[in-house]
Amino acid sequence: MISGEFNSQGELIFEIGLISADGDIIPVQALLDTGFTGWLAIDNQDAFSLGWLRESQKEEMRTARGEARFNLYQGSVLLDEQEFAIPALGGDELQDILLGIRWLQTKRLVADFPLLSADAGMMNYIHFTCFLSSVISQ
């Protein structure tokens, strides 16, 4: 199980590890994007720095900015203490590393936040906690 937080913009952020071609684990903050149907999206420069292999094909996807073509990389991610080899989409000028909803096919998302009383004096900031944990088959 990994824990995450909602940031001040209401985005769900998790810390994951990106695994470079030489085995180094780079901890990063990744945003869970429920509008992204892939596994992971990353800036092309970051994928190149990690030494991830780029496939010859490109993948077209609809984004908030319209249609775009992305490079396809063989990515490696550490999530919930497990290593996953995944297809990763690479684009230019991606400001955030995105986790797509494909993770919710293998991980369960649980979100919870504490209730605050009116006299708590902390109404401007609320700390949210959420978890991605392995799905258990019954």
Protein backbone atom coordinates (compact mmCIF):
# COMPACT_ATOMS: atom_id res chain seq x y z
CA MET A 1 0.00 0.00 0.00
CA ILE A 2 1.30 3.48 -0.81
CA SER A 3 -0.13 6.63 0.61
CA GLY A 4 -0.77 9.88 -1.17
CA GLU A 5 -2.28 13.28 -0.60
CA PHE A 6 -4.55 15.73 -2.30
CA ASN A 7 -2.61 18.91 -3.04
CA SER A 8 -4.02 22.43 -2.77
CA GLN A 9 -5.50 22.15 -6.29
CA GLY A 10 -7.37 18.96 -5.35
CA GLU A 11 -5.03 16.73 -7.36
CA LEU A 12 -4.16 13.30 -5.99
CA ILE A 13 -0.38 12.90 -5.60
CA PHE A 14 1.56 9.68 -4.90
CA GLU A 15 5.27 9.08 -4.43
CA ILE A 16 6.51 6.35 -6.73
CA GLY A 17 9.93 5.17 -7.89
CA LEU A 18 11.08 5.39 -11.47
CA ILE A 19 13.67 2.72 -12.21
CA SER A 20 16.46 3.71 -14.56
CA ALA A 21 18.00 1.36 -17.10
CA ASP A 22 20.96 0.85 -14.75
CA GLY A 23 18.69 -0.02 -11.80
CA ASP A 24 18.71 3.26 -9.87
CA ILE A 25 15.39 4.09 -8.19
CA ILE A 26 14.42 7.74 -8.48
CA PRO A 27 11.62 8.81 -6.09
CA VAL A 28 9.16 11.20 -7.75
CA GLN A 29 5.75 12.73 -7.14
CA ALA A 30 3.15 11.47 -9.62
CA LEU A 31 -0.35 12.79 -10.19
CA LEU A 32 -3.23 10.32 -10.55
CA ASP A 33 -5.07 11.51 -13.67
CA THR A 34 -8.44 9.77 -14.05
CA GLY A 35 -8.75 11.23 -17.54
CA PHE A 36 -5.59 9.44 -18.70
CA THR A 37 -6.27 5.87 -19.80
CA GLY A 38 -2.66 4.67 -19.93
CA TRP A 39 -0.24 3.55 -17.21
CA LEU A 40 2.25 6.42 -17.04
CA ALA A 41 3.01 9.64 -18.89
CA ILE A 42 6.38 11.31 -18.54
CA ASP A 43 8.35 14.08 -20.21
CA ASN A 44 10.56 12.79 -23.04
CA GLN A 45 13.68 14.29 -21.43
CA ASP A 46 12.99 12.40 -18.19
CA ALA A 47 12.46 9.11 -20.04
CA PHE A 48 15.70 9.71 -21.96
CA SER A 49 17.57 10.51 -18.70
CA LEU A 50 16.31 7.26 -17.20
CA GLY A 51 17.66 5.35 -20.19
CA TRP A 52 14.27 3.89 -21.02
CA LEU A 53 14.08 2.26 -24.45
CA ARG A 54 11.93 4.09 -26.96
CA GLU A 55 9.72 2.01 -29.23
CA SER A 56 9.61 2.82 -32.93
CA GLN A 57 5.85 3.41 -32.89
CA LYS A 58 4.04 6.42 -31.53
CA GLU A 59 0.67 6.52 -29.85
CA GLU A 60 -2.05 9.07 -30.51
CA MET A 61 -4.13 10.24 -27.58
CA ARG A 62 -6.69 12.91 -26.94
CA THR A 63 -5.54 15.42 -24.32
CA ALA A 64 -7.00 18.55 -22.79
CA ARG A 65 -5.15 20.43 -25.55
CA GLY A 66 -6.53 18.21 -28.34
CA GLU A 67 -5.01 15.29 -30.24
CA ALA A 68 -1.32 14.60 -29.60
CA ARG A 69 1.26 11.98 -30.59
CA PHE A 70 3.36 10.47 -27.83
CA ASN A 71 6.53 8.43 -27.88
CA LEU A 72 6.20 4.97 -26.39
CA TYR A 73 8.84 3.82 -23.89
CA GLN A 74 9.53 0.60 -22.01
CA GLY A 75 9.20 1.98 -18.50
CA SER A 76 9.95 0.48 -15.13
CA VAL A 77 8.20 1.69 -11.99
CA LEU A 78 8.39 0.81 -8.30
CA LEU A 79 4.92 1.03 -6.75
CA ASP A 80 3.80 -0.55 -3.49
CA GLU A 81 7.25 -2.20 -3.16
CA GLN A 82 6.70 -4.03 -6.46
CA GLU A 83 8.49 -3.46 -9.73
CA PHE A 84 6.30 -3.10 -12.82
CA ALA A 85 7.43 -3.09 -16.44
CA ILE A 86 4.92 -0.88 -18.21
CA PRO A 87 4.44 1.00 -21.44
CA ALA A 88 5.03 4.68 -20.71
CA LEU A 89 3.97 7.55 -22.92
CA GLY A 90 6.50 10.34 -23.43
CA GLY A 91 5.62 13.85 -24.48
CA ASP A 92 7.33 17.20 -24.75
CA GLU A 93 6.89 19.74 -21.96
CA LEU A 94 4.87 17.48 -19.64
CA GLN A 95 4.96 19.31 -16.33
CA ASP A 96 3.81 16.37 -14.20
CA ILE A 97 4.40 12.66 -14.19
CA LEU A 98 0.97 11.12 -14.62
CA LEU A 99 -0.37 7.84 -13.30
CA GLY A 100 -3.29 6.68 -15.44
CA ILE A 101 -6.44 4.86 -14.46
CA ARG A 102 -4.98 1.56 -15.73
CA TRP A 103 -3.46 1.28 -12.22
CA LEU A 104 -6.96 0.99 -10.80
CA GLN A 105 -7.32 -2.35 -12.59
CA THR A 106 -4.64 -3.79 -10.31
CA LYS A 107 -4.73 -1.44 -7.31
CA ARG A 108 -7.55 -0.39 -5.03
CA LEU A 109 -7.93 3.33 -4.32
CA VAL A 110 -9.10 4.34 -0.84
CA ALA A 111 -9.44 8.02 0.10
CA ASP A 112 -10.20 9.38 3.53
CA PHE A 113 -9.78 12.67 5.31
CA PRO A 114 -10.24 13.75 8.94
CA LEU A 115 -13.31 15.61 10.06
CA LEU A 116 -12.55 19.02 11.53
CA SER A 117 -14.73 20.82 14.00
CA ALA A 118 -15.51 24.49 13.46
CA ASP A 119 -13.38 25.41 16.47
CA ALA A 120 -10.33 23.56 15.17
CA GLY A 121 -9.06 26.81 13.68
CA MET A 122 -7.68 25.03 10.63
CA MET A 123 -10.41 25.54 8.06
CA ASN A 124 -8.02 26.92 5.40
CA TYR A 125 -6.07 23.68 5.00
CA ILE A 126 -7.28 20.11 5.28
CA HIS A 127 -4.89 17.18 5.04
CA PHE A 128 -6.28 14.36 2.90
CA THR A 129 -4.89 10.86 2.90
CA CYS A 130 -5.43 8.20 0.29
CA PHE A 131 -3.99 4.80 -0.47
CA LEU A 132 -3.33 2.59 -3.46
CA SER A 133 -3.22 -1.02 -2.36
CA SER A 134 -3.13 -4.34 -4.13
CA VAL A 135 -6.45 -5.79 -5.19
CA ILE A 136 -7.10 -9.04 -3.36
CA SER A 137 -8.95 -11.71 -5.34
CA GLN A 138 -11.52 -13.68 -3.38
